[in-house]
N, C-alpha and C. Protein backbone atom coordinates (compact mmCIF):
# COMPACT_ATOMS: atom_id res chain seq x y z
N MET A 1 -32.45 -25.11 -13.02
CA MET A 1 -31.51 -24.66 -14.13
C MET A 1 -31.45 -26.05 -15.11
N VAL A 2 -31.53 -25.30 -16.72
CA VAL A 2 -32.13 -26.13 -17.60
C VAL A 2 -30.43 -25.71 -18.44
N ILE A 3 -30.64 -26.43 -19.13
CA ILE A 3 -29.18 -26.72 -19.88
C ILE A 3 -29.16 -27.49 -21.37
N GLY A 4 -29.71 -27.22 -22.62
CA GLY A 4 -30.29 -27.66 -23.78
C GLY A 4 -28.99 -29.15 -24.02
N ASP A 5 -29.69 -29.53 -25.32
CA ASP A 5 -29.08 -30.69 -26.00
C ASP A 5 -27.82 -30.41 -26.16
N ASN A 6 -26.56 -30.72 -26.47
CA ASN A 6 -25.49 -30.43 -27.23
C ASN A 6 -25.14 -29.86 -26.96
N CYS A 7 -24.49 -29.10 -26.03
CA CYS A 7 -23.68 -28.12 -25.50
C CYS A 7 -23.05 -28.39 -25.44
N SER A 8 -21.90 -27.56 -25.25
CA SER A 8 -20.69 -27.40 -24.93
C SER A 8 -20.33 -26.54 -24.11
N ILE A 9 -20.05 -26.72 -22.72
CA ILE A 9 -19.18 -25.84 -21.31
C ILE A 9 -17.96 -26.25 -21.74
N SER A 10 -17.19 -25.28 -21.38
CA SER A 10 -15.57 -25.00 -20.89
C SER A 10 -15.82 -25.10 -20.03
N SER A 11 -14.04 -25.37 -19.63
CA SER A 11 -13.58 -25.54 -18.42
C SER A 11 -13.43 -24.08 -17.95
N GLY A 12 -13.60 -24.11 -16.44
CA GLY A 12 -13.97 -23.33 -15.43
C GLY A 12 -15.23 -22.23 -15.81
N VAL A 13 -15.99 -22.47 -16.13
CA VAL A 13 -17.68 -21.48 -16.59
C VAL A 13 -18.04 -21.60 -15.21
N GLN A 14 -18.63 -20.82 -15.30
CA GLN A 14 -19.36 -20.69 -13.55
C GLN A 14 -21.08 -20.51 -14.33
N ILE A 15 -22.04 -20.51 -13.62
CA ILE A 15 -23.02 -20.56 -13.60
C ILE A 15 -24.15 -20.58 -12.33
N TYR A 16 -24.94 -18.90 -11.65
CA TYR A 16 -25.19 -18.53 -11.10
C TYR A 16 -26.74 -18.74 -10.75
N THR A 17 -27.40 -19.29 -10.16
CA THR A 17 -29.00 -19.66 -9.63
C THR A 17 -29.22 -18.96 -8.72
N HIS A 18 -28.24 -17.75 -7.69
CA HIS A 18 -29.00 -17.13 -6.60
C HIS A 18 -27.96 -16.35 -6.79
N ASP A 19 -28.68 -14.90 -5.57
CA ASP A 19 -27.41 -14.19 -5.41
C ASP A 19 -27.68 -13.36 -3.91
N THR A 20 -26.58 -13.37 -3.50
CA THR A 20 -26.23 -13.37 -1.69
C THR A 20 -25.65 -11.56 -1.45
N VAL A 21 -26.15 -11.40 -2.73
CA VAL A 21 -25.72 -9.56 -2.04
C VAL A 21 -26.60 -9.12 -1.23
N LYS A 22 -27.56 -9.03 -1.37
CA LYS A 22 -27.97 -7.53 -0.60
C LYS A 22 -28.14 -8.64 1.11
N TRP A 23 -28.46 -9.97 0.91
CA TRP A 23 -28.92 -10.73 2.02
C TRP A 23 -27.19 -10.55 2.79
N ALA A 24 -26.05 -10.39 2.51
CA ALA A 24 -24.84 -10.10 2.97
C ALA A 24 -25.14 -9.10 3.62
N LEU A 25 -25.48 -7.79 2.44
CA LEU A 25 -25.52 -6.81 2.72
C LEU A 25 -26.45 -6.24 4.39
N THR A 26 -27.63 -6.81 3.96
CA THR A 26 -28.66 -6.63 5.13
C THR A 26 -27.78 -7.48 6.46
N GLY A 27 -26.96 -8.03 6.75
CA GLY A 27 -26.61 -8.96 7.41
C GLY A 27 -27.28 -10.12 8.15
N GLY A 28 -27.65 -10.20 6.90
CA GLY A 28 -28.83 -11.78 6.50
C GLY A 28 -30.33 -11.56 7.06
N ARG A 29 -30.19 -10.55 6.86
CA ARG A 29 -31.82 -9.82 7.38
C ARG A 29 -32.78 -9.57 5.71
N SER A 30 -31.85 -9.57 4.42
CA SER A 30 -32.70 -9.96 3.53
C SER A 30 -32.33 -11.58 3.53
N ARG A 31 -33.45 -12.06 1.92
CA ARG A 31 -33.46 -13.55 1.43
C ARG A 31 -32.59 -12.66 0.32
N LYS A 32 -31.87 -14.21 0.05
CA LYS A 32 -30.72 -14.52 -1.00
C LYS A 32 -31.80 -14.35 -2.14
N GLN A 33 -31.69 -13.62 -3.35
CA GLN A 33 -32.26 -14.05 -4.95
C GLN A 33 -32.45 -15.00 -5.40
N THR A 34 -33.17 -16.06 -5.74
CA THR A 34 -32.42 -16.99 -6.73
C THR A 34 -33.35 -16.86 -7.75
N GLY A 35 -32.94 -17.51 -8.88
CA GLY A 35 -33.23 -17.56 -10.03
C GLY A 35 -33.18 -18.47 -10.68
N GLY A 36 -33.54 -19.31 -12.01
CA GLY A 36 -33.07 -20.30 -12.56
C GLY A 36 -32.50 -19.32 -14.18
N VAL A 37 -31.34 -20.54 -14.70
CA VAL A 37 -30.89 -20.18 -15.95
C VAL A 37 -30.94 -21.30 -16.94
N ARG A 38 -31.07 -20.45 -18.04
CA ARG A 38 -31.90 -21.56 -19.15
C ARG A 38 -30.85 -21.71 -20.41
N ILE A 39 -29.94 -22.54 -20.77
CA ILE A 39 -29.31 -22.72 -21.85
C ILE A 39 -29.73 -23.53 -22.93
N GLY A 40 -30.43 -22.90 -23.94
CA GLY A 40 -30.64 -23.85 -25.22
C GLY A 40 -30.22 -24.74 -25.49
N ASN A 41 -30.78 -25.16 -26.64
CA ASN A 41 -30.27 -26.20 -27.46
C ASN A 41 -28.49 -25.68 -27.91
N ASP A 42 -27.50 -26.33 -28.44
CA ASP A 42 -26.97 -26.69 -29.22
C ASP A 42 -25.67 -25.18 -29.35
N CYS A 43 -25.88 -24.97 -28.39
CA CYS A 43 -25.37 -23.65 -27.33
C CYS A 43 -23.60 -23.87 -27.02
N TYR A 44 -22.24 -22.98 -27.66
CA TYR A 44 -21.26 -23.08 -27.29
C TYR A 44 -20.91 -22.12 -25.65
N ILE A 45 -20.88 -22.20 -24.87
CA ILE A 45 -20.52 -21.24 -23.89
C ILE A 45 -18.76 -21.48 -23.68
N GLY A 46 -17.66 -20.43 -23.75
CA GLY A 46 -16.08 -20.56 -23.44
C GLY A 46 -16.14 -20.65 -22.50
N PRO A 47 -14.85 -20.58 -21.83
CA PRO A 47 -14.38 -20.53 -21.22
C PRO A 47 -14.15 -19.60 -20.36
N LEU A 48 -13.77 -20.14 -19.08
CA LEU A 48 -14.34 -19.11 -17.41
C LEU A 48 -15.49 -17.85 -18.35
N SER A 49 -16.27 -17.96 -18.65
CA SER A 49 -17.40 -17.47 -18.75
C SER A 49 -18.22 -17.30 -17.63
N VAL A 50 -18.87 -16.13 -17.29
CA VAL A 50 -19.59 -16.93 -16.09
C VAL A 50 -21.72 -16.30 -16.34
N ILE A 51 -22.31 -16.77 -16.11
CA ILE A 51 -23.59 -16.55 -16.46
C ILE A 51 -24.58 -16.00 -15.06
N SER A 52 -24.78 -15.01 -15.28
CA SER A 52 -26.20 -14.49 -13.55
C SER A 52 -27.00 -14.87 -13.58
N MET A 53 -27.56 -15.07 -12.53
CA MET A 53 -28.82 -15.37 -12.06
C MET A 53 -29.82 -15.37 -13.00
N GLY A 54 -30.76 -16.63 -13.40
CA GLY A 54 -31.91 -15.94 -14.15
C GLY A 54 -31.26 -15.60 -15.56
N GLN A 55 -30.37 -15.44 -16.31
CA GLN A 55 -30.58 -15.45 -17.44
C GLN A 55 -30.99 -16.87 -18.61
N LYS A 56 -31.27 -16.16 -19.98
CA LYS A 56 -31.92 -17.26 -20.54
C LYS A 56 -30.74 -17.31 -22.23
N ILE A 57 -30.07 -18.24 -22.46
CA ILE A 57 -29.22 -18.20 -23.64
C ILE A 57 -30.14 -18.72 -24.40
N GLY A 58 -30.23 -18.48 -25.98
CA GLY A 58 -30.68 -19.05 -26.97
C GLY A 58 -30.15 -19.70 -27.77
N LYS A 59 -30.78 -21.31 -28.19
CA LYS A 59 -30.37 -21.81 -28.82
C LYS A 59 -29.51 -21.51 -30.50
N CYS A 60 -28.29 -22.43 -29.99
CA CYS A 60 -27.56 -21.85 -30.70
C CYS A 60 -26.56 -20.83 -31.31
N SER A 61 -25.94 -20.63 -29.84
CA SER A 61 -25.62 -18.98 -29.30
C SER A 61 -24.36 -19.72 -29.17
N VAL A 62 -23.51 -18.51 -29.08
CA VAL A 62 -21.50 -18.80 -29.12
C VAL A 62 -21.19 -17.66 -27.90
N ILE A 63 -21.03 -18.18 -26.54
CA ILE A 63 -20.72 -17.29 -25.50
C ILE A 63 -19.09 -17.24 -25.62
N GLY A 64 -18.70 -15.95 -25.47
CA GLY A 64 -17.02 -15.86 -26.19
C GLY A 64 -16.57 -16.42 -24.87
N ALA A 65 -15.16 -16.41 -24.78
CA ALA A 65 -14.16 -16.74 -23.24
C ALA A 65 -14.40 -16.16 -23.35
N LEU A 66 -14.21 -16.00 -21.46
CA LEU A 66 -13.80 -14.52 -20.51
C LEU A 66 -15.61 -13.84 -20.46
N SER A 67 -16.26 -14.47 -20.74
CA SER A 67 -17.74 -13.21 -20.95
C SER A 67 -18.58 -13.11 -19.60
N PHE A 68 -19.02 -12.04 -19.05
CA PHE A 68 -20.26 -11.88 -18.08
C PHE A 68 -21.50 -11.63 -19.03
N VAL A 69 -22.34 -13.17 -19.14
CA VAL A 69 -23.83 -12.59 -19.44
C VAL A 69 -25.14 -12.63 -18.32
N ASN A 70 -24.94 -10.97 -18.71
CA ASN A 70 -25.88 -10.80 -17.79
C ASN A 70 -27.61 -10.12 -18.46
N SER A 71 -27.71 -11.22 -19.46
CA SER A 71 -29.04 -10.12 -20.09
C SER A 71 -29.51 -11.21 -20.91
N THR A 72 -30.33 -11.78 -21.84
CA THR A 72 -31.10 -12.60 -22.35
C THR A 72 -30.49 -12.65 -23.37
N ILE A 73 -29.87 -13.80 -24.23
CA ILE A 73 -29.42 -13.90 -24.96
C ILE A 73 -30.11 -14.59 -26.54
N PRO A 74 -30.40 -13.76 -27.47
CA PRO A 74 -31.20 -14.14 -28.44
C PRO A 74 -31.21 -15.62 -29.20
N PRO A 75 -31.84 -16.49 -29.49
CA PRO A 75 -30.71 -18.17 -30.50
C PRO A 75 -30.11 -17.16 -31.12
N ASN A 76 -29.16 -17.75 -31.49
CA ASN A 76 -29.13 -17.96 -32.92
C ASN A 76 -27.57 -16.60 -32.76
N SER A 77 -26.92 -16.40 -31.55
CA SER A 77 -26.34 -15.01 -31.47
C SER A 77 -24.69 -15.44 -31.12
N ILE A 78 -24.23 -13.94 -31.65
CA ILE A 78 -22.42 -14.40 -30.68
C ILE A 78 -21.94 -13.06 -30.46
N VAL A 79 -21.82 -13.62 -29.28
CA VAL A 79 -21.76 -12.84 -27.84
C VAL A 79 -20.12 -13.44 -27.12
N TYR A 80 -19.19 -12.13 -26.76
CA TYR A 80 -18.78 -11.95 -25.74
C TYR A 80 -18.42 -10.81 -25.06
N GLY A 81 -17.56 -10.54 -24.57
CA GLY A 81 -17.23 -9.35 -23.58
C GLY A 81 -17.83 -8.73 -22.18
N ILE A 82 -17.87 -8.42 -21.23
CA ILE A 82 -18.06 -7.86 -20.10
C ILE A 82 -18.57 -6.58 -19.71
N PRO A 83 -20.10 -6.18 -19.45
CA PRO A 83 -20.97 -7.78 -20.31
C PRO A 83 -20.79 -7.53 -21.18
N ALA A 84 -21.59 -9.48 -21.30
CA ALA A 84 -21.27 -9.88 -23.07
C ALA A 84 -22.65 -8.94 -23.75
N ARG A 85 -22.38 -8.90 -25.13
CA ARG A 85 -23.02 -7.91 -26.07
C ARG A 85 -23.34 -8.69 -26.94
N VAL A 86 -23.90 -8.73 -27.62
CA VAL A 86 -24.62 -9.09 -29.19
C VAL A 86 -23.77 -8.43 -30.73
N VAL A 87 -22.67 -9.25 -30.88
CA VAL A 87 -22.02 -8.64 -31.73
C VAL A 87 -21.68 -9.35 -33.20
N GLY A 88 -22.80 -10.77 -33.19
CA GLY A 88 -22.90 -11.16 -34.52
C GLY A 88 -24.23 -12.38 -34.75
N LYS A 89 -24.23 -13.05 -35.94
CA LYS A 89 -24.80 -13.90 -35.89
C LYS A 89 -24.94 -15.42 -36.31
N VAL A 90 -25.39 -16.31 -35.87
CA VAL A 90 -24.87 -17.30 -36.31
C VAL A 90 -25.96 -18.30 -37.27
N ARG A 91 -25.10 -18.41 -38.22
CA ARG A 91 -26.14 -18.83 -39.07
C ARG A 91 -25.73 -20.57 -39.84
N ILE A 92 -26.96 -21.37 -40.12
CA ILE A 92 -26.90 -22.83 -39.87
C ILE A 92 -27.77 -23.43 -41.01
N LYS A 93 -27.10 -24.09 -41.99
CA LYS A 93 -27.78 -24.54 -43.58
C LYS A 93 -27.03 -26.17 -43.52
N GLY A 94 -28.01 -26.63 -43.09
CA GLY A 94 -27.57 -28.33 -42.91
C GLY A 94 -26.19 -28.66 -41.94
N LYS A 95 -25.23 -28.97 -42.85
CA LYS A 95 -23.71 -28.99 -41.57
C LYS A 95 -23.12 -27.89 -41.22
N ASN A 96 -23.27 -26.73 -42.39
CA ASN A 96 -22.69 -25.44 -43.00
C ASN A 96 -22.69 -24.52 -41.57
N VAL A 97 -21.65 -23.86 -40.94
CA VAL A 97 -22.25 -23.04 -39.94
C VAL A 97 -21.26 -21.68 -40.14
N LYS A 98 -21.62 -20.86 -40.66
CA LYS A 98 -20.88 -19.46 -40.83
C LYS A 98 -21.18 -18.08 -39.75
N PHE A 99 -20.53 -17.84 -38.84
CA PHE A 99 -20.44 -16.98 -38.61
C PHE A 99 -20.35 -15.26 -38.90
N ASP A 100 -21.67 -14.53 -39.37
CA ASP A 100 -21.71 -13.28 -39.22
C ASP A 100 -21.63 -11.75 -38.38
N TYR A 101 -20.67 -11.37 -38.31
CA TYR A 101 -20.41 -10.28 -37.63
C TYR A 101 -20.30 -8.84 -37.69
N TYR A 102 -21.45 -8.33 -36.87
CA TYR A 102 -22.22 -7.29 -37.35
C TYR A 102 -20.96 -5.25 -37.94
N ASN A 103 -20.01 -6.01 -37.19
CA ASN A 103 -18.80 -5.12 -37.19
C ASN A 103 -17.62 -5.38 -37.98
N SER A 104 -16.96 -4.99 -38.90
CA SER A 104 -15.88 -5.69 -39.29
C SER A 104 -14.64 -5.99 -38.55
N ASN A 105 -14.89 -4.67 -37.63
CA ASN A 105 -13.43 -4.82 -36.40
C ASN A 105 -13.52 -5.97 -35.31
N TYR A 106 -14.62 -6.61 -35.30
CA TYR A 106 -14.19 -8.47 -35.22
C TYR A 106 -14.03 -9.28 -35.28
N CYS A 107 -13.10 -10.05 -34.33
CA CYS A 107 -12.64 -11.16 -35.62
C CYS A 107 -13.37 -11.97 -36.25
N LYS A 108 -12.98 -12.88 -37.47
CA LYS A 108 -13.42 -13.84 -38.07
C LYS A 108 -12.55 -15.10 -37.92
């Protein structure tokens, strides 16, 4: 597992680097699956989010609270949900941060 610099990982976040579903279902005859997680620099992971095995979160991304990340997240993304989906883009200029949502129905 790799966690970049300046990341904020909130309370209750779970990050998985393995999966034992097939192992359990086969009575231990199948091996557990493993896969590293990579979180880029300058990311925020909201409370109680779950990041599944093998996923990559690009730099400067925001993962909303209670999200389930089961796919690769591009850099500068705003994502949330179960499963997590990209709902906007983070734009950074100097010290200024702007959240651009793709649909006006999302919170601003």
